[in-house]
């Protein structure tokens, strides 16, 4: 079942977006950063699926962005991926 009216999993192309939540833990022996810090990062992700048929799809691109904030600085973590899948 698709989250939007009129969208079907059998459409030729589908896109999706999601919010990501998690925990990041950082440990350092360096004197400029506290020895251990834990934060709750959030992030965003988007995916593009091209359906080959009702069972198989190709994911030409997926993008994940998850910034983390440690020691007053920001790390911008971006991941690009691709792949495919099978629906059961």
N, C-alpha and C. Protein backbone atom coordinates (compact mmCIF):
# COMPACT_ATOMS: atom_id res chain seq x y z
N UNK A 1 0.84 -1.18 0.00
CA UNK A 1 0.00 0.00 0.00
C UNK A 1 0.89 1.25 0.00
N UNK A 2 0.61 2.16 -0.86
CA UNK A 2 1.40 3.39 -0.98
C UNK A 2 0.83 4.47 -0.05
N UNK A 3 1.68 5.37 0.43
CA UNK A 3 1.21 6.39 1.37
C UNK A 3 0.42 7.53 0.73
N UNK A 4 0.43 7.64 -0.59
CA UNK A 4 -0.27 8.73 -1.26
C UNK A 4 -1.33 8.16 -2.19
N UNK A 5 -2.47 8.84 -2.25
CA UNK A 5 -3.57 8.40 -3.11
C UNK A 5 -3.12 8.42 -4.57
N UNK A 6 -3.40 7.37 -5.29
CA UNK A 6 -3.07 7.29 -6.70
C UNK A 6 -1.72 6.68 -7.01
N UNK A 7 -0.85 6.54 -6.01
CA UNK A 7 0.47 5.94 -6.22
C UNK A 7 0.36 4.43 -6.03
N UNK A 8 0.89 3.69 -6.97
CA UNK A 8 0.85 2.23 -6.90
C UNK A 8 2.27 1.68 -6.92
N UNK A 9 2.48 0.54 -6.29
CA UNK A 9 3.80 -0.08 -6.34
C UNK A 9 4.12 -0.63 -7.72
N UNK A 10 3.13 -0.67 -8.61
CA UNK A 10 3.35 -1.13 -9.98
C UNK A 10 3.66 0.01 -10.93
N UNK A 11 3.71 1.27 -10.44
CA UNK A 11 4.11 2.39 -11.29
C UNK A 11 5.52 2.16 -11.80
N UNK A 12 5.86 2.70 -12.95
CA UNK A 12 7.18 2.48 -13.54
C UNK A 12 8.29 3.08 -12.68
N UNK A 13 8.07 4.26 -12.11
CA UNK A 13 9.07 4.93 -11.29
C UNK A 13 8.41 5.35 -9.98
N UNK A 14 9.07 5.09 -8.86
CA UNK A 14 8.59 5.54 -7.56
C UNK A 14 9.74 6.19 -6.81
N UNK A 15 9.41 7.17 -5.97
CA UNK A 15 10.41 7.80 -5.12
C UNK A 15 9.93 7.69 -3.68
N UNK A 16 10.86 7.75 -2.76
CA UNK A 16 10.50 7.72 -1.34
C UNK A 16 11.46 8.61 -0.57
N UNK A 17 10.99 9.09 0.56
CA UNK A 17 11.81 9.90 1.46
C UNK A 17 11.54 9.43 2.87
N UNK A 18 12.53 9.61 3.74
CA UNK A 18 12.35 9.19 5.13
C UNK A 18 13.21 10.02 6.05
N UNK A 19 12.79 10.08 7.30
CA UNK A 19 13.58 10.72 8.35
C UNK A 19 14.32 9.63 9.11
N UNK A 20 15.55 9.91 9.50
CA UNK A 20 16.39 8.92 10.19
C UNK A 20 16.72 9.43 11.59
N UNK A 21 16.66 8.55 12.57
CA UNK A 21 17.01 8.87 13.95
C UNK A 21 17.93 7.80 14.48
N UNK A 22 18.87 8.16 15.33
CA UNK A 22 19.80 7.17 15.86
C UNK A 22 20.64 7.74 16.98
N UNK A 23 21.72 7.04 17.31
CA UNK A 23 22.64 7.44 18.36
C UNK A 23 24.05 7.34 17.81
N UNK A 24 24.87 8.36 18.10
CA UNK A 24 26.27 8.36 17.70
C UNK A 24 27.12 8.51 18.96
N UNK A 25 28.19 7.73 19.06
CA UNK A 25 29.08 7.76 20.21
C UNK A 25 30.49 8.02 19.72
N UNK A 26 31.19 8.95 20.36
CA UNK A 26 32.54 9.33 19.94
C UNK A 26 33.46 9.25 21.15
N UNK A 27 34.60 8.60 20.98
CA UNK A 27 35.61 8.51 22.04
C UNK A 27 36.94 8.98 21.47
N UNK A 28 37.66 9.80 22.27
CA UNK A 28 38.93 10.33 21.80
C UNK A 28 39.92 10.42 22.95
N UNK A 29 41.19 10.19 22.65
CA UNK A 29 42.26 10.38 23.62
C UNK A 29 42.91 11.75 23.45
N UNK A 30 42.42 12.54 22.50
CA UNK A 30 42.95 13.86 22.22
C UNK A 30 42.43 14.84 23.27
N UNK A 31 43.23 15.78 23.72
CA UNK A 31 42.83 16.71 24.77
C UNK A 31 41.83 17.76 24.34
N UNK A 32 41.60 17.93 23.03
CA UNK A 32 40.69 18.98 22.57
C UNK A 32 39.23 18.56 22.58
N UNK A 33 38.97 17.27 22.71
CA UNK A 33 37.60 16.77 22.71
C UNK A 33 37.39 15.98 23.98
N UNK A 34 36.20 16.07 24.55
CA UNK A 34 35.93 15.31 25.76
C UNK A 34 36.13 13.82 25.48
N UNK A 35 36.56 13.04 26.47
CA UNK A 35 36.90 11.63 26.24
C UNK A 35 35.78 10.80 25.62
N UNK A 36 34.54 11.05 25.98
CA UNK A 36 33.43 10.29 25.39
C UNK A 36 32.23 11.22 25.27
N UNK A 37 31.62 11.21 24.10
CA UNK A 37 30.45 12.03 23.85
C UNK A 37 29.43 11.20 23.10
N UNK A 38 28.18 11.31 23.50
CA UNK A 38 27.09 10.62 22.82
C UNK A 38 26.05 11.65 22.40
N UNK A 39 25.60 11.56 21.18
CA UNK A 39 24.60 12.48 20.65
C UNK A 39 23.51 11.68 19.94
N UNK A 40 22.38 12.32 19.75
CA UNK A 40 21.27 11.73 19.01
C UNK A 40 21.15 12.45 17.67
N UNK A 41 21.80 11.92 16.64
CA UNK A 41 21.73 12.59 15.34
C UNK A 41 20.40 12.29 14.64
N UNK A 42 20.08 13.13 13.71
CA UNK A 42 18.94 12.87 12.85
C UNK A 42 19.42 13.04 11.41
N UNK A 43 18.64 12.60 10.49
CA UNK A 43 19.05 12.71 9.11
C UNK A 43 17.88 12.54 8.17
N UNK A 44 18.18 12.58 6.89
CA UNK A 44 17.17 12.45 5.87
C UNK A 44 17.69 11.51 4.78
N UNK A 45 16.74 10.86 4.12
CA UNK A 45 17.12 9.94 3.04
C UNK A 45 16.09 10.02 1.93
N UNK A 46 16.54 9.74 0.71
CA UNK A 46 15.66 9.67 -0.43
C UNK A 46 16.08 8.55 -1.36
N UNK A 47 15.11 7.91 -1.98
CA UNK A 47 15.38 6.79 -2.88
C UNK A 47 14.55 6.92 -4.15
N UNK A 48 15.11 6.41 -5.24
CA UNK A 48 14.43 6.40 -6.52
C UNK A 48 14.43 4.96 -7.02
N UNK A 49 13.25 4.40 -7.25
CA UNK A 49 13.11 3.03 -7.74
C UNK A 49 12.54 3.04 -9.14
N UNK A 50 13.12 2.21 -10.00
CA UNK A 50 12.58 1.97 -11.33
C UNK A 50 12.13 0.51 -11.35
N UNK A 51 10.84 0.30 -11.51
CA UNK A 51 10.29 -1.05 -11.47
C UNK A 51 10.48 -1.75 -12.80
N UNK A 52 11.13 -2.91 -12.76
CA UNK A 52 11.32 -3.73 -13.96
C UNK A 52 10.03 -4.48 -14.25
N UNK A 53 9.45 -5.06 -13.22
CA UNK A 53 8.13 -5.68 -13.28
C UNK A 53 7.57 -5.66 -11.85
N UNK A 54 6.53 -6.43 -11.56
CA UNK A 54 5.91 -6.38 -10.24
C UNK A 54 6.81 -6.95 -9.14
N UNK A 55 7.78 -7.78 -9.47
CA UNK A 55 8.63 -8.39 -8.45
C UNK A 55 10.02 -7.78 -8.33
N UNK A 56 10.56 -7.21 -9.40
CA UNK A 56 11.93 -6.72 -9.39
C UNK A 56 11.98 -5.21 -9.61
N UNK A 57 12.91 -4.55 -8.91
CA UNK A 57 13.14 -3.13 -9.13
C UNK A 57 14.63 -2.83 -9.09
N UNK A 58 15.01 -1.72 -9.73
CA UNK A 58 16.38 -1.22 -9.74
C UNK A 58 16.36 0.11 -9.00
N UNK A 59 17.34 0.30 -8.12
CA UNK A 59 17.48 1.57 -7.40
C UNK A 59 18.71 2.28 -7.96
N UNK A 60 18.52 3.19 -8.95
CA UNK A 60 19.67 3.86 -9.55
C UNK A 60 20.40 4.78 -8.58
N UNK A 61 19.68 5.34 -7.60
CA UNK A 61 20.35 6.18 -6.62
C UNK A 61 19.55 6.23 -5.32
N UNK A 62 20.32 6.25 -4.24
CA UNK A 62 19.77 6.47 -2.90
C UNK A 62 20.73 7.42 -2.20
N UNK A 63 20.19 8.40 -1.52
CA UNK A 63 21.01 9.39 -0.84
C UNK A 63 20.61 9.44 0.63
N UNK A 64 21.60 9.33 1.51
CA UNK A 64 21.39 9.46 2.95
C UNK A 64 22.25 10.61 3.46
N UNK A 65 21.67 11.46 4.28
CA UNK A 65 22.41 12.57 4.90
C UNK A 65 22.17 12.51 6.40
N UNK A 66 23.24 12.38 7.18
CA UNK A 66 23.14 12.27 8.64
C UNK A 66 24.24 13.11 9.29
N UNK A 67 23.94 14.35 9.65
CA UNK A 67 24.96 15.17 10.31
C UNK A 67 25.13 14.74 11.77
N UNK A 68 26.35 14.85 12.28
CA UNK A 68 26.60 14.62 13.71
C UNK A 68 27.29 15.85 14.27
N UNK A 69 27.07 16.09 15.54
CA UNK A 69 27.56 17.31 16.20
C UNK A 69 28.37 16.91 17.43
N UNK A 70 29.70 17.04 17.34
CA UNK A 70 30.59 16.71 18.45
C UNK A 70 31.56 17.85 18.70
N UNK A 71 31.82 18.17 19.95
CA UNK A 71 32.83 19.16 20.31
C UNK A 71 32.63 20.51 19.66
N UNK A 72 31.41 20.92 19.46
CA UNK A 72 31.13 22.21 18.84
C UNK A 72 31.27 22.21 17.33
N UNK A 73 31.59 21.07 16.72
CA UNK A 73 31.73 20.98 15.27
C UNK A 73 30.66 20.10 14.67
N UNK A 74 30.54 20.17 13.37
CA UNK A 74 29.54 19.38 12.64
C UNK A 74 30.25 18.51 11.61
N UNK A 75 29.86 17.24 11.57
CA UNK A 75 30.31 16.34 10.51
C UNK A 75 29.13 16.11 9.58
N UNK A 76 29.27 16.42 8.31
CA UNK A 76 28.21 16.21 7.32
C UNK A 76 28.44 14.87 6.65
N UNK A 77 27.73 13.85 7.10
CA UNK A 77 27.90 12.50 6.58
C UNK A 77 26.88 12.25 5.47
N UNK A 78 27.39 12.03 4.26
CA UNK A 78 26.53 11.79 3.11
C UNK A 78 26.91 10.45 2.50
N UNK A 79 25.91 9.66 2.16
CA UNK A 79 26.14 8.36 1.55
C UNK A 79 25.31 8.25 0.29
N UNK A 80 25.95 7.87 -0.81
CA UNK A 80 25.27 7.60 -2.07
C UNK A 80 25.36 6.10 -2.33
N UNK A 81 24.27 5.51 -2.77
CA UNK A 81 24.30 4.07 -3.05
C UNK A 81 23.34 3.75 -4.22
N UNK A 82 23.44 2.53 -4.69
CA UNK A 82 22.56 2.04 -5.74
C UNK A 82 22.34 0.55 -5.51
N UNK A 83 21.40 -0.03 -6.20
CA UNK A 83 21.16 -1.46 -6.02
C UNK A 83 19.88 -1.89 -6.70
N UNK A 84 19.31 -2.93 -6.16
CA UNK A 84 18.06 -3.48 -6.70
C UNK A 84 17.42 -4.33 -5.64
N UNK A 85 16.26 -4.86 -5.97
CA UNK A 85 15.57 -5.69 -4.99
C UNK A 85 14.50 -6.55 -5.60
N UNK A 86 13.99 -7.42 -4.75
CA UNK A 86 12.92 -8.35 -5.10
C UNK A 86 11.80 -8.16 -4.11
N UNK A 87 10.58 -8.08 -4.61
CA UNK A 87 9.39 -7.99 -3.74
C UNK A 87 8.78 -9.38 -3.61
N UNK A 88 8.43 -9.74 -2.40
CA UNK A 88 7.80 -11.04 -2.16
C UNK A 88 6.32 -10.89 -1.93
